[in-house]
Amino acid sequence: QLQLVESGGGLVQPGGSLRLSCTPSGFHLDYYAIAWFRQAPGKEREGVSAISRSGSSLNYADSVKGRFTISRDNAKSTVYLEMVSLKPEDTAVYYCAAKQTPDSDYVPPYYINMNFWGKGTLVTVSS
């Protein structure tokens, strides 16, 4: 079954850090731009960050700029989301999603349909 698998979530204190990973199952990420989304309890899902196939084009939501860093290692077929200075409002289930594209510098808008989704990993920021 083709899917994405997220890992790295957990409980962290405010101000702490976590690194999330997104890896594919059954396919390689070479031909896909990747986006991270999150959904907090009682709220709609929101786009957090996105990265092109080449890794040269990035996008961040205003709420995470300067605190989150997205990157990818195509040799390992893995995309990372490094999160620092975490706040309680960052608490959510984090999902990664893949969008197939021939353009190596394309960064998908968060509103478009993605090809694959993961099942999510829970990040809880609390003291």
PDB file of N, CA and C in Angstrom:
ATOM      1  N   GLN A   1       0.845  -1.188   0.000  1.00  0.00           N
ATOM      2  CA  GLN A   1       0.000   0.000   0.000  1.00  0.00           C
ATOM      3  C   GLN A   1       0.882   1.240   0.000  1.00  0.00           C
ATOM      4  N   LEU A   2       0.566   2.170  -0.887  1.00  0.00           N
ATOM      5  CA  LEU A   2       1.346   3.391  -0.978  1.00  0.00           C
ATOM      6  C   LEU A   2       0.850   4.384   0.054  1.00  0.00           C
ATOM      7  N   GLN A   3       1.748   4.826   0.926  1.00  0.00           N
ATOM      8  CA  GLN A   3       1.366   5.791   1.941  1.00  0.00           C
ATOM      9  C   GLN A   3       2.606   6.477   2.486  1.00  0.00           C
ATOM     10  N   LEU A   4       2.372   7.490   3.290  1.00  0.00           N
ATOM     11  CA  LEU A   4       3.442   8.180   3.989  1.00  0.00           C
ATOM     12  C   LEU A   4       3.363   7.830   5.469  1.00  0.00           C
ATOM     13  N   VAL A   5       4.508   7.831   6.106  1.00  0.00           N
ATOM     14  CA  VAL A   5       4.573   7.515   7.531  1.00  0.00           C
ATOM     15  C   VAL A   5       5.303   8.632   8.257  1.00  0.00           C
ATOM     16  N   GLU A   6       4.617   9.253   9.212  1.00  0.00           N
ATOM     17  CA  GLU A   6       5.216  10.295  10.025  1.00  0.00           C
ATOM     18  C   GLU A   6       5.742   9.697  11.327  1.00  0.00           C
ATOM     19  N   SER A   7       6.788  10.302  11.854  1.00  0.00           N
ATOM     20  CA  SER A   7       7.323   9.890  13.153  1.00  0.00           C
ATOM     21  C   SER A   7       7.982  11.088  13.824  1.00  0.00           C
ATOM     22  N   GLY A   8       8.255  10.954  15.124  1.00  0.00           N
ATOM     23  CA  GLY A   8       8.972  11.993  15.840  1.00  0.00           C
ATOM     24  C   GLY A   8       8.121  12.839  16.765  1.00  0.00           C
ATOM     25  N   GLY A   9       6.818  12.621  16.761  1.00  0.00           N
ATOM     26  CA  GLY A   9       5.968  13.386  17.660  1.00  0.00           C
ATOM     27  C   GLY A   9       6.155  12.963  19.103  1.00  0.00           C
ATOM     28  N   GLY A  10       5.564  13.748  20.009  1.00  0.00           N
ATOM     29  CA  GLY A  10       5.663  13.425  21.422  1.00  0.00           C
ATOM     30  C   GLY A  10       5.267  14.592  22.279  1.00  0.00           C
ATOM     31  N   LEU A  11       5.552  14.462  23.553  1.00  0.00           N
ATOM     32  CA  LEU A  11       5.261  15.502  24.532  1.00  0.00           C
ATOM     33  C   LEU A  11       6.527  16.311  24.788  1.00  0.00           C
ATOM     34  N   VAL A  12       6.408  17.614  24.713  1.00  0.00           N
ATOM     35  CA  VAL A  12       7.550  18.494  24.930  1.00  0.00           C
ATOM     36  C   VAL A  12       7.079  19.722  25.702  1.00  0.00           C
ATOM     37  N   GLN A  13       7.968  20.271  26.496  1.00  0.00           N
ATOM     38  CA  GLN A  13       7.633  21.475  27.251  1.00  0.00           C
ATOM     39  C   GLN A  13       7.691  22.711  26.356  1.00  0.00           C
ATOM     40  N   PRO A  14       6.963  23.740  26.713  1.00  0.00           N
ATOM     41  CA  PRO A  14       7.074  24.999  25.948  1.00  0.00           C
ATOM     42  C   PRO A  14       8.526  25.456  25.857  1.00  0.00           C
ATOM     43  N   GLY A  15       8.906  25.896  24.666  1.00  0.00           N
ATOM     44  CA  GLY A  15      10.288  26.275  24.423  1.00  0.00           C
ATOM     45  C   GLY A  15      11.154  25.137  23.932  1.00  0.00           C
ATOM     46  N   GLY A  16      10.620  23.942  23.974  1.00  0.00           N
ATOM     47  CA  GLY A  16      11.385  22.764  23.566  1.00  0.00           C
ATOM     48  C   GLY A  16      11.400  22.558  22.061  1.00  0.00           C
ATOM     49  N   SER A  17      12.011  21.444  21.647  1.00  0.00           N
ATOM     50  CA  SER A  17      12.212  21.156  20.230  1.00  0.00           C
ATOM     51  C   SER A  17      11.812  19.719  19.917  1.00  0.00           C
ATOM     52  N   LEU A  18      11.419  19.520  18.678  1.00  0.00           N
ATOM     53  CA  LEU A  18      11.155  18.192  18.149  1.00  0.00           C
ATOM     54  C   LEU A  18      11.523  18.186  16.668  1.00  0.00           C
ATOM     55  N   ARG A  19      11.855  17.000  16.160  1.00  0.00           N
ATOM     56  CA  ARG A  19      12.053  16.844  14.724  1.00  0.00           C
ATOM     57  C   ARG A  19      11.140  15.740  14.230  1.00  0.00           C
ATOM     58  N   LEU A  20      10.284  16.128  13.313  1.00  0.00           N
ATOM     59  CA  LEU A  20       9.383  15.158  12.684  1.00  0.00           C
ATOM     60  C   LEU A  20      10.004  14.637  11.397  1.00  0.00           C
ATOM     61  N   SER A  21       9.713  13.384  11.087  1.00  0.00           N
ATOM     62  CA  SER A  21      10.173  12.774   9.838  1.00  0.00           C
ATOM     63  C   SER A  21       8.981  12.259   9.049  1.00  0.00           C
ATOM     64  N   CYS A  22       9.134  12.269   7.746  1.00  0.00           N
ATOM     65  CA  CYS A  22       8.093  11.779   6.837  1.00  0.00           C
ATOM     66  C   CYS A  22       8.774  10.882   5.816  1.00  0.00           C
ATOM     67  N   THR A  23       8.397   9.609   5.804  1.00  0.00           N
ATOM     68  CA  THR A  23       8.996   8.671   4.867  1.00  0.00           C
ATOM     69  C   THR A  23       7.903   7.951   4.093  1.00  0.00           C
ATOM     70  N   PRO A  24       8.180   7.581   2.852  1.00  0.00           N
ATOM     71  CA  PRO A  24       7.175   6.888   2.051  1.00  0.00           C
ATOM     72  C   PRO A  24       7.220   5.382   2.271  1.00  0.00           C
ATOM     73  N   SER A  25       6.093   4.772   2.033  1.00  0.00           N
ATOM     74  CA  SER A  25       6.018   3.316   2.034  1.00  0.00           C
ATOM     75  C   SER A  25       5.518   2.871   0.676  1.00  0.00           C
ATOM     76  N   GLY A  26       6.379   2.181  -0.067  1.00  0.00           N
ATOM     77  CA  GLY A  26       5.964   1.682  -1.369  1.00  0.00           C
ATOM     78  C   GLY A  26       6.307   2.563  -2.546  1.00  0.00           C
ATOM     79  N   PHE A  27       6.933   3.690  -2.309  1.00  0.00           N
ATOM     80  CA  PHE A  27       7.356   4.560  -3.407  1.00  0.00           C
ATOM     81  C   PHE A  27       8.483   5.455  -2.916  1.00  0.00           C
ATOM     82  N   HIS A  28       9.084   6.185  -3.868  1.00  0.00           N
ATOM     83  CA  HIS A  28      10.193   7.075  -3.517  1.00  0.00           C
ATOM     84  C   HIS A  28       9.732   8.515  -3.642  1.00  0.00           C
ATOM     85  N   LEU A  29      10.307   9.365  -2.809  1.00  0.00           N
ATOM     86  CA  LEU A  29       9.856  10.758  -2.774  1.00  0.00           C
ATOM     87  C   LEU A  29      10.443  11.636  -3.875  1.00  0.00           C
ATOM     88  N   ASP A  30      11.310  11.088  -4.699  1.00  0.00           N
ATOM     89  CA  ASP A  30      12.019  11.898  -5.709  1.00  0.00           C
ATOM     90  C   ASP A  30      11.087  12.754  -6.556  1.00  0.00           C
ATOM     91  N   TYR A  31       9.919  12.247  -6.904  1.00  0.00           N
ATOM     92  CA  TYR A  31       9.038  12.944  -7.845  1.00  0.00           C
ATOM     93  C   TYR A  31       7.905  13.693  -7.157  1.00  0.00           C
ATOM     94  N   TYR A  32       8.075  13.943  -5.870  1.00  0.00           N
ATOM     95  CA  TYR A  32       6.997  14.553  -5.098  1.00  0.00           C
ATOM     96  C   TYR A  32       7.476  15.769  -4.308  1.00  0.00           C
ATOM     97  N   ALA A  33       6.695  16.839  -4.418  1.00  0.00           N
ATOM     98  CA  ALA A  33       6.814  17.917  -3.445  1.00  0.00           C
ATOM     99  C   ALA A  33       6.074  17.484  -2.186  1.00  0.00           C
ATOM    100  N   ILE A  34       6.523  17.979  -1.040  1.00  0.00           N
ATOM    101  CA  ILE A  34       5.969  17.540   0.240  1.00  0.00           C
ATOM    102  C   ILE A  34       5.486  18.731   1.050  1.00  0.00           C
ATOM    103  N   ALA A  35       4.383  18.549   1.718  1.00  0.00           N
ATOM    104  CA  ALA A  35       3.860  19.576   2.615  1.00  0.00           C
ATOM    105  C   ALA A  35       3.544  18.960   3.971  1.00  0.00           C
ATOM    106  N   TRP A  36       3.720  19.770   4.998  1.00  0.00           N
ATOM    107  CA  TRP A  36       3.296  19.400   6.353  1.00  0.00           C
ATOM    108  C   TRP A  36       2.039  20.189   6.696  1.00  0.00           C
ATOM    109  N   PHE A  37       1.105  19.503   7.311  1.00  0.00           N
ATOM    110  CA  PHE A  37      -0.126  20.107   7.798  1.00  0.00           C
ATOM    111  C   PHE A  37      -0.268  19.756   9.284  1.00  0.00           C
ATOM    112  N   ARG A  38      -1.154  20.474   9.944  1.00  0.00           N
ATOM    113  CA  ARG A  38      -1.474  20.109  11.319  1.00  0.00           C
ATOM    114  C   ARG A  38      -2.944  20.384  11.596  1.00  0.00           C
ATOM    115  N   GLN A  39      -3.469  19.638  12.542  1.00  0.00           N
ATOM    116  CA  GLN A  39      -4.851  19.839  12.949  1.00  0.00           C
ATOM    117  C   GLN A  39      -4.923  19.758  14.460  1.00  0.00           C
ATOM    118  N   ALA A  40      -5.279  20.875  15.060  1.00  0.00           N
ATOM    119  CA  ALA A  40      -5.444  20.940  16.513  1.00  0.00           C
ATOM    120  C   ALA A  40      -6.864  20.517  16.872  1.00  0.00           C
ATOM    121  N   PRO A  41      -7.077  20.069  18.098  1.00  0.00           N
ATOM    122  CA  PRO A  41      -8.418  19.656  18.513  1.00  0.00           C
ATOM    123  C   PRO A  41      -9.436  20.760  18.302  1.00  0.00           C
ATOM    124  N   GLY A  42     -10.514  20.437  17.617  1.00  0.00           N
ATOM    125  CA  GLY A  42     -11.583  21.394  17.401  1.00  0.00           C
ATOM    126  C   GLY A  42     -11.316  22.448  16.342  1.00  0.00           C
ATOM    127  N   LYS A  43     -10.186  22.300  15.639  1.00  0.00           N
ATOM    128  CA  LYS A  43      -9.844  23.291  14.620  1.00  0.00           C
ATOM    129  C   LYS A  43      -9.694  22.635  13.254  1.00  0.00           C
ATOM    130  N   GLU A  44      -9.726  23.448  12.228  1.00  0.00           N
ATOM    131  CA  GLU A  44      -9.532  22.935  10.877  1.00  0.00           C
ATOM    132  C   GLU A  44      -8.046  22.649  10.631  1.00  0.00           C
ATOM    133  N   ARG A  45      -7.821  21.753   9.689  1.00  0.00           N
ATOM    134  CA  ARG A  45      -6.451  21.467   9.302  1.00  0.00           C
ATOM    135  C   ARG A  45      -5.837  22.696   8.639  1.00  0.00           C
ATOM    136  N   GLU A  46      -4.562  22.952   8.919  1.00  0.00           N
ATOM    137  CA  GLU A  46      -3.877  24.089   8.318  1.00  0.00           C
ATOM    138  C   GLU A  46      -2.520  23.654   7.772  1.00  0.00           C
ATOM    139  N   GLY A  47      -2.121  24.328   6.704  1.00  0.00           N
ATOM    140  CA  GLY A  47      -0.802  24.086   6.136  1.00  0.00           C
ATOM    141  C   GLY A  47       0.266  24.726   7.004  1.00  0.00           C
ATOM    142  N   VAL A  48       1.362  24.019   7.178  1.00  0.00           N
ATOM    143  CA  VAL A  48       2.449  24.486   8.040  1.00  0.00           C
ATOM    144  C   VAL A  48       3.678  24.859   7.221  1.00  0.00           C
ATOM    145  N   SER A  49       4.085  23.947   6.338  1.00  0.00           N
ATOM    146  CA  SER A  49       5.298  24.177   5.573  1.00  0.00           C
ATOM    147  C   SER A  49       5.295  23.259   4.368  1.00  0.00           C
ATOM    148  N   ALA A  50       6.025  23.656   3.323  1.00  0.00           N
ATOM    149  CA  ALA A  50       6.108  22.844   2.116  1.00  0.00           C
ATOM    150  C   ALA A  50       7.477  22.994   1.492  1.00  0.00           C
ATOM    151  N   ILE A  51       7.864  21.950   0.746  1.00  0.00           N
ATOM    152  CA  ILE A  51       9.181  21.944   0.127  1.00  0.00           C
ATOM    153  C   ILE A  51       9.083  21.323  -1.255  1.00  0.00           C
ATOM    154  N   SER A  52       9.838  21.894  -2.190  1.00  0.00           N
ATOM    155  CA  SER A  52       9.836  21.385  -3.555  1.00  0.00           C
ATOM    156  C   SER A  52      10.625  20.091  -3.653  1.00  0.00           C
ATOM    157  N   ARG A  53      10.558  19.458  -4.798  1.00  0.00           N
ATOM    158  CA  ARG A  53      11.314  18.221  -5.028  1.00  0.00           C
ATOM    159  C   ARG A  53      12.810  18.429  -4.844  1.00  0.00           C
ATOM    160  N   SER A  54      13.297  19.558  -5.343  1.00  0.00           N
ATOM    161  CA  SER A  54      14.741  19.834  -5.269  1.00  0.00           C
ATOM    162  C   SER A  54      15.161  20.273  -3.872  1.00  0.00           C
ATOM    163  N   GLY A  55      14.208  20.757  -3.082  1.00  0.00           N
ATOM    164  CA  GLY A  55      14.536  21.292  -1.767  1.00  0.00           C
ATOM    165  C   GLY A  55      14.922  22.755  -1.803  1.00  0.00           C
ATOM    166  N   SER A  56      14.937  23.353  -2.987  1.00  0.00           N
ATOM    167  CA  SER A  56      15.393  24.741  -3.105  1.00  0.00           C
ATOM    168  C   SER A  56      14.279  25.748  -2.877  1.00  0.00           C
ATOM    169  N   SER A  57      13.031  25.315  -3.004  1.00  0.00           N
ATOM    170  CA  SER A  57      11.893  26.215  -2.775  1.00  0.00           C
ATOM    171  C   SER A  57      11.138  25.756  -1.539  1.00  0.00           C
ATOM    172  N   LEU A  58      10.885  26.732  -0.650  1.00  0.00           N
ATOM    173  CA  LEU A  58      10.259  26.427   0.639  1.00  0.00           C
ATOM    174  C   LEU A  58       9.104  27.385   0.885  1.00  0.00           C
ATOM    175  N   ASN A  59       8.205  26.973   1.741  1.00  0.00           N
ATOM    176  CA  ASN A  59       7.122  27.851   2.177  1.00  0.00           C
ATOM    177  C   ASN A  59       6.818  27.558   3.640  1.00  0.00           C
ATOM    178  N   TYR A  60       6.487  28.623   4.388  1.00  0.00           N
ATOM    179  CA  TYR A  60       6.123  28.472   5.797  1.00  0.00           C
ATOM    180  C   TYR A  60       4.883  29.296   6.099  1.00  0.00           C
ATOM    181  N   ALA A  61       4.025  28.757   6.936  1.00  0.00           N
ATOM    182  CA  ALA A  61       2.925  29.543   7.461  1.00  0.00           C
ATOM    183  C   ALA A  61       3.493  30.628   8.368  1.00  0.00           C
ATOM    184  N   ASP A  62       2.801  31.761   8.430  1.00  0.00           N
ATOM    185  CA  ASP A  62       3.292  32.869   9.254  1.00  0.00           C
ATOM    186  C   ASP A  62       3.470  32.455  10.716  1.00  0.00           C
ATOM    187  N   SER A  63       2.616  31.568  11.175  1.00  0.00           N
ATOM    188  CA  SER A  63       2.634  31.181  12.583  1.00  0.00           C
ATOM    189  C   SER A  63       3.875  30.383  12.980  1.00  0.00           C
ATOM    190  N   VAL A  64       4.608  29.859  12.000  1.00  0.00           N
ATOM    191  CA  VAL A  64       5.776  29.034  12.331  1.00  0.00           C
ATOM    192  C   VAL A  64       7.078  29.582  11.771  1.00  0.00           C
ATOM    193  N   LYS A  65       7.011  30.677  11.029  1.00  0.00           N
ATOM    194  CA  LYS A  65       8.222  31.259  10.447  1.00  0.00           C
ATOM    195  C   LYS A  65       9.233  31.612  11.531  1.00  0.00           C
ATOM    196  N   GLY A  66      10.467  31.248  11.274  1.00  0.00           N
ATOM    197  CA  GLY A  66      11.522  31.523  12.231  1.00  0.00           C
ATOM    198  C   GLY A  66      11.666  30.468  13.309  1.00  0.00           C
ATOM    199  N   ARG A  67      10.697  29.549  13.399  1.00  0.00           N
ATOM    200  CA  ARG A  67      10.758  28.501  14.421  1.00  0.00           C
ATOM    201  C   ARG A  67      10.819  27.100  13.815  1.00  0.00           C
ATOM    202  N   PHE A  68      10.204  26.902  12.660  1.00  0.00           N
ATOM    203  CA  PHE A  68      10.181  25.596  12.007  1.00  0.00           C
ATOM    204  C   PHE A  68      11.074  25.645  10.767  1.00  0.00           C
ATOM    205  N   THR A  69      11.720  24.533  10.489  1.00  0.00           N
ATOM    206  CA  THR A  69      12.549  24.403   9.299  1.00  0.00           C
ATOM    207  C   THR A  69      12.224  23.085   8.608  1.00  0.00           C
ATOM    208  N   ILE A  70      11.867  23.177   7.340  1.00  0.00           N
ATOM    209  CA  ILE A  70      11.594  21.988   6.546  1.00  0.00           C
ATOM    210  C   ILE A  70      12.819  21.670   5.703  1.00  0.00           C
ATOM    211  N   SER A  71      13.108  20.390   5.548  1.00  0.00           N
ATOM    212  CA  SER A  71      14.236  19.968   4.723  1.00  0.00           C
ATOM    213  C   SER A  71      13.957  18.572   4.197  1.00  0.00           C
ATOM    214  N   ARG A  72      14.753  18.154   3.249  1.00  0.00           N
ATOM    215  CA  ARG A  72      14.585  16.811   2.719  1.00  0.00           C
ATOM    216  C   ARG A  72      15.929  16.204   2.373  1.00  0.00           C
ATOM    217  N   ASP A  73      15.992  14.897   2.492  1.00  0.00           N
ATOM    218  CA  ASP A  73      17.164  14.121   2.096  1.00  0.00           C
ATOM    219  C   ASP A  73      16.660  13.106   1.073  1.00  0.00           C
ATOM    220  N   ASN A  74      16.817  13.432  -0.198  1.00  0.00           N
ATOM    221  CA  ASN A  74      16.265  12.556  -1.235  1.00  0.00           C
ATOM    222  C   ASN A  74      16.969  11.199  -1.279  1.00  0.00           C
ATOM    223  N   ALA A  75      18.219  11.161  -0.865  1.00  0.00           N
ATOM    224  CA  ALA A  75      18.925   9.879  -0.837  1.00  0.00           C
ATOM    225  C   ALA A  75      18.281   8.931   0.174  1.00  0.00           C
ATOM    226  N   LYS A  76      17.776   9.508   1.255  1.00  0.00           N
ATOM    227  CA  LYS A  76      17.090   8.710   2.276  1.00  0.00           C
ATOM    228  C   LYS A  76      15.588   8.711   2.072  1.00  0.00           C
ATOM    229  N   SER A  77      15.117   9.417   1.067  1.00  0.00           N
ATOM    230  CA  SER A  77      13.685   9.524   0.782  1.00  0.00           C
ATOM    231  C   SER A  77      12.928   9.941   2.042  1.00  0.00           C
ATOM    232  N   THR A  78      13.409  11.002   2.670  1.00  0.00           N
ATOM    233  CA  THR A  78      12.819  11.460   3.930  1.00  0.00           C
ATOM    234  C   THR A  78      12.724  12.983   3.922  1.00  0.00           C
ATOM    235  N   VAL A  79      11.632  13.479   4.456  1.00  0.00           N
ATOM    236  CA  VAL A  79      11.451  14.909   4.661  1.00  0.00           C
ATOM    237  C   VAL A  79      11.344  15.155   6.164  1.00  0.00           C
ATOM    238  N   TYR A  80      11.975  16.228   6.609  1.00  0.00           N
ATOM    239  CA  TYR A  80      12.011  16.547   8.026  1.00  0.00           C
ATOM    240  C   TYR A  80      11.308  17.872   8.304  1.00  0.00           C
ATOM    241  N   LEU A  81      10.795  17.990   9.498  1.00  0.00           N
ATOM    242  CA  LEU A  81      10.283  19.260   9.994  1.00  0.00           C
ATOM    243  C   LEU A  81      10.900  19.479  11.369  1.00  0.00           C
ATOM    244  N   GLU A  82      11.879  20.370  11.409  1.00  0.00           N
ATOM    245  CA  GLU A  82      12.549  20.707  12.656  1.00  0.00           C
ATOM    246  C   GLU A  82      11.764  21.827  13.321  1.00  0.00           C
ATOM    247  N   MET A  83      11.364  21.595  14.558  1.00  0.00           N
ATOM    248  CA  MET A  83      10.531  22.560  15.277  1.00  0.00           C
ATOM    249  C   MET A  83      11.239  22.969  16.557  1.00  0.00           C
ATOM    250  N   VAL A  84      11.466  24.259  16.698  1.00  0.00           N
ATOM    251  CA  VAL A  84      12.097  24.785  17.914  1.00  0.00           C
ATOM    252  C   VAL A  84      11.187  25.848  18.516  1.00  0.00           C
ATOM    253  N   SER A  85      11.517  26.245  19.742  1.00  0.00           N
ATOM    254  CA  SER A  85      10.725  27.263  20.449  1.00  0.00           C
ATOM    255  C   SER A  85       9.242  26.931  20.400  1.00  0.00           C
ATOM    256  N   LEU A  86       8.925  25.696  20.680  1.00  0.00           N
ATOM    257  CA  LEU A  86       7.540  25.248  20.570  1.00  0.00           C
ATOM    258  C   LEU A  86       6.646  25.925  21.599  1.00  0.00           C
ATOM    259  N   LYS A  87       5.410  26.170  21.179  1.00  0.00           N
ATOM    260  CA  LYS A  87       4.420  26.846  22.002  1.00  0.00           C
ATOM    261  C   LYS A  87       3.229  25.913  22.218  1.00  0.00           C
ATOM    262  N   PRO A  88       2.475  26.133  23.258  1.00  0.00           N
ATOM    263  CA  PRO A  88       1.285  25.288  23.470  1.00  0.00           C
ATOM    264  C   PRO A  88       0.345  25.291  22.262  1.00  0.00           C
ATOM    265  N   GLU A  89       0.280  26.403  21.554  1.00  0.00           N
ATOM    266  CA  GLU A  89      -0.594  26.468  20.378  1.00  0.00           C
ATOM    267  C   GLU A  89      -0.079  25.657  19.193  1.00  0.00           C
ATOM    268  N   ASP A  90       1.104  25.101  19.300  1.00  0.00           N
ATOM    269  CA  ASP A  90       1.608  24.192  18.266  1.00  0.00           C
ATOM    270  C   ASP A  90       1.085  22.767  18.479  1.00  0.00           C
ATOM    271  N   THR A  91       0.407  22.540  19.575  1.00  0.00           N
ATOM    272  CA  THR A  91      -0.150  21.216  19.845  1.00  0.00           C
ATOM    273  C   THR A  91      -1.145  20.821  18.764  1.00  0.00           C
ATOM    274  N   ALA A  92      -0.913  19.682  18.148  1.00  0.00           N
ATOM    275  CA  ALA A  92      -1.760  19.228  17.037  1.00  0.00           C
ATOM    276  C   ALA A  92      -1.277  17.864  16.565  1.00  0.00           C
ATOM    277  N   VAL A  93      -2.081  17.247  15.732  1.00  0.00           N
ATOM    278  CA  VAL A  93      -1.608  16.097  14.957  1.00  0.00           C
ATOM    279  C   VAL A  93      -0.990  16.652  13.678  1.00  0.00           C
ATOM    280  N   TYR A  94       0.224  16.242  13.413  1.00  0.00           N
ATOM    281  CA  TYR A  94       0.955  16.711  12.244  1.00  0.00           C
ATOM    282  C   TYR A  94       0.948  15.630  11.169  1.00  0.00           C
ATOM    283  N   TYR A  95       0.604  16.051   9.959  1.00  0.00           N
ATOM    284  CA  TYR A  95       0.528  15.155   8.822  1.00  0.00           C
ATOM    285  C   TYR A  95       1.477  15.623   7.727  1.00  0.00           C
ATOM    286  N   CYS A  96       2.068  14.673   7.011  1.00  0.00           N
ATOM    287  CA  CYS A  96       2.762  15.045   5.787  1.00  0.00           C
ATOM    288  C   CYS A  96       1.953  14.525   4.598  1.00  0.00           C
ATOM    289  N   ALA A  97       2.116  15.209   3.485  1.00  0.00           N
ATOM    290  CA  ALA A  97       1.389  14.863   2.266  1.00  0.00           C
ATOM    291  C   ALA A  97       2.301  15.085   1.075  1.00  0.00           C
ATOM    292  N   ALA A  98       2.086  14.298   0.018  1.00  0.00           N
ATOM    293  CA  ALA A  98       2.932  14.344  -1.164  1.00  0.00           C
ATOM    294  C   ALA A  98       2.135  14.716  -2.388  1.00  0.00           C
ATOM    295  N   LYS A  99       2.735  15.568  -3.218  1.00  0.00           N
ATOM    296  CA  LYS A  99       2.122  15.974  -4.478  1.00  0.00           C
ATOM    297  C   LYS A  99       3.092  15.691  -5.608  1.00  0.00           C
ATOM    298  N   GLN A 100       2.689  14.805  -6.510  1.00  0.00           N
ATOM    299  CA  GLN A 100       3.551  14.482  -7.639  1.00  0.00           C
ATOM    300  C   GLN A 100       3.609  15.666  -8.595  1.00  0.00           C
ATOM    301  N   THR A 101       4.807  15.991  -9.076  1.00  0.00           N
ATOM    302  CA  THR A 101       4.980  17.117  -9.978  1.00  0.00           C
ATOM    303  C   THR A 101       6.226  16.930 -10.817  1.00  0.00           C
ATOM    304  N   PRO A 102       6.181  17.362 -12.106  1.00  0.00           N
ATOM    305  CA  PRO A 102       7.375  17.284 -12.946  1.00  0.00           C
ATOM    306  C   PRO A 102       8.333  18.449 -12.689  1.00  0.00           C
ATOM    307  N   ASP A 103       7.863  19.465 -11.988  1.00  0.00           N
ATOM    308  CA  ASP A 103       8.651  20.679 -11.750  1.00  0.00           C
ATOM    309  C   ASP A 103       9.421  20.532 -10.436  1.00  0.00           C
ATOM    310  N   SER A 104      10.732  20.524 -10.536  1.00  0.00           N
ATOM    311  CA  SER A 104      11.545  20.272  -9.341  1.00  0.00           C
ATOM    312  C   SER A 104      11.517  21.429  -8.344  1.00  0.00           C
ATOM    313  N   ASP A 105      11.061  22.593  -8.779  1.00  0.00           N
ATOM    314  CA  ASP A 105      11.030  23.746  -7.874  1.00  0.00           C
ATOM    315  C   ASP A 105       9.606  24.153  -7.477  1.00  0.00           C
ATOM    316  N   TYR A 106       8.654  23.320  -7.784  1.00  0.00           N
ATOM    317  CA  TYR A 106       7.251  23.621  -7.477  1.00  0.00           C
ATOM    318  C   TYR A 106       6.959  23.365  -6.000  1.00  0.00           C
ATOM    319  N   VAL A 107       6.317  24.357  -5.365  1.00  0.00           N
ATOM    320  CA  VAL A 107       5.857  24.207  -3.986  1.00  0.00           C
ATOM    321  C   VAL A 107       4.337  24.220  -4.011  1.00  0.00           C
ATOM    322  N   PRO A 108       3.695  23.139  -3.622  1.00  0.00           N
ATOM    323  CA  PRO A 108       2.242  23.067  -3.748  1.00  0.00           C
ATOM    324  C   PRO A 108       1.522  24.002  -2.783  1.00  0.00           C
ATOM    325  N   PRO A 109       0.495  24.698  -3.258  1.00  0.00           N
ATOM    326  CA  PRO A 109      -0.370  25.434  -2.320  1.00  0.00           C
ATOM    327  C   PRO A 109      -1.049  24.445  -1.387  1.00  0.00           C
ATOM    328  N   TYR A 110      -1.350  24.886  -0.189  1.00  0.00           N
ATOM    329  CA  TYR A 110      -1.896  23.965   0.800  1.00  0.00           C
ATOM    330  C   TYR A 110      -3.314  23.514   0.461  1.00  0.00           C
ATOM    331  N   TYR A 111      -4.018  24.271  -0.402  1.00  0.00           N
ATOM    332  CA  TYR A 111      -5.415  23.961  -0.663  1.00  0.00           C
ATOM    333  C   TYR A 111      -5.617  22.912  -1.758  1.00  0.00           C
ATOM    334  N   ILE A 112      -4.548  22.521  -2.467  1.00  0.00           N
ATOM    335  CA  ILE A 112      -4.761  21.593  -3.580  1.00  0.00           C
ATOM    336  C   ILE A 112      -4.865  20.159  -3.076  1.00  0.00           C
ATOM    337  N   ASN A 113      -5.383  19.294  -3.948  1.00  0.00           N
ATOM    338  CA  ASN A 113      -5.456  17.879  -3.611  1.00  0.00           C
ATOM    339  C   ASN A 113      -4.073  17.255  -3.685  1.00  0.00           C
ATOM    340  N   MET A 114      -3.706  16.531  -2.650  1.00  0.00           N
ATOM    341  CA  MET A 114      -2.420  15.853  -2.590  1.00  0.00           C
ATOM    342  C   MET A 114      -2.598  14.398  -2.998  1.00  0.00           C
ATOM    343  N   ASN A 115      -1.520  13.772  -3.458  1.00  0.00           N
ATOM    344  CA  ASN A 115      -1.598  12.389  -3.919  1.00  0.00           C
ATOM    345  C   ASN A 115      -1.628  11.382  -2.764  1.00  0.00           C
ATOM    346  N   PHE A 116      -0.814  11.644  -1.750  1.00  0.00           N
ATOM    347  CA  PHE A 116      -0.722  10.716  -0.620  1.00  0.00           C
ATOM    348  C   PHE A 116      -0.685  11.493   0.680  1.00  0.00           C
ATOM    349  N   TRP A 117      -1.208  10.866   1.710  1.00  0.00           N
ATOM    350  CA  TRP A 117      -1.192  11.428   3.065  1.00  0.00           C
ATOM    351  C   TRP A 117      -0.683  10.373   4.047  1.00  0.00           C
ATOM    352  N   GLY A 118      -0.110  10.858   5.135  1.00  0.00           N
ATOM    353  CA  GLY A 118       0.189   9.972   6.241  1.00  0.00           C
ATOM    354  C   GLY A 118      -0.943   9.979   7.242  1.00  0.00           C
ATOM    355  N   LYS A 119      -0.797   9.163   8.277  1.00  0.00           N
ATOM    356  CA  LYS A 119      -1.829   9.071   9.293  1.00  0.00           C
ATOM    357  C   LYS A 119      -1.611  10.040  10.450  1.00  0.00           C
ATOM    358  N   GLY A 120      -0.471  10.683  10.462  1.00  0.00           N
ATOM    359  CA  GLY A 120      -0.222  11.725  11.439  1.00  0.00           C
ATOM    360  C   GLY A 120       0.578  11.284  12.645  1.00  0.00           C
ATOM    361  N   THR A 121       1.208  12.259  13.285  1.00  0.00           N
ATOM    362  CA  THR A 121       1.926  12.044  14.535  1.00  0.00           C
ATOM    363  C   THR A 121       1.553  13.187  15.478  1.00  0.00           C
ATOM    364  N   LEU A 122       1.295  12.855  16.729  1.00  0.00           N
ATOM    365  CA  LEU A 122       0.797  13.830  17.687  1.00  0.00           C
ATOM    366  C   LEU A 122       1.944  14.585  18.347  1.00  0.00           C
ATOM    367  N   VAL A 123       1.837  15.905  18.324  1.00  0.00           N
ATOM    368  CA  VAL A 123       2.771  16.774  19.036  1.00  0.00           C
ATOM    369  C   VAL A 123       1.993  17.494  20.132  1.00  0.00           C
ATOM    370  N   THR A 124       2.446  17.326  21.355  1.00  0.00           N
ATOM    371  CA  THR A 124       1.807  17.976  22.497  1.00  0.00           C
ATOM    372  C   THR A 124       2.835  18.863  23.185  1.00  0.00           C
ATOM    373  N   VAL A 125       2.524  20.150  23.269  1.00  0.00           N
ATOM    374  CA  VAL A 125       3.412  21.102  23.922  1.00  0.00           C
ATOM    375  C   VAL A 125       2.727  21.552  25.212  1.00  0.00           C
ATOM    376  N   SER A 126       3.276  21.102  26.312  1.00  0.00           N
ATOM    377  CA  SER A 126       2.637  21.367  27.599  1.00  0.00           C
ATOM    378  C   SER A 126       3.645  21.232  28.726  1.00  0.00           C
ATOM    379  N   SER A 127       3.460  22.020  29.760  1.00  0.00           N
ATOM    380  CA  SER A 127       4.312  21.909  30.945  1.00  0.00           C
ATOM    381  C   SER A 127       3.680  20.981  31.982  1.00  0.00           C
TER     382      SER A 127
END
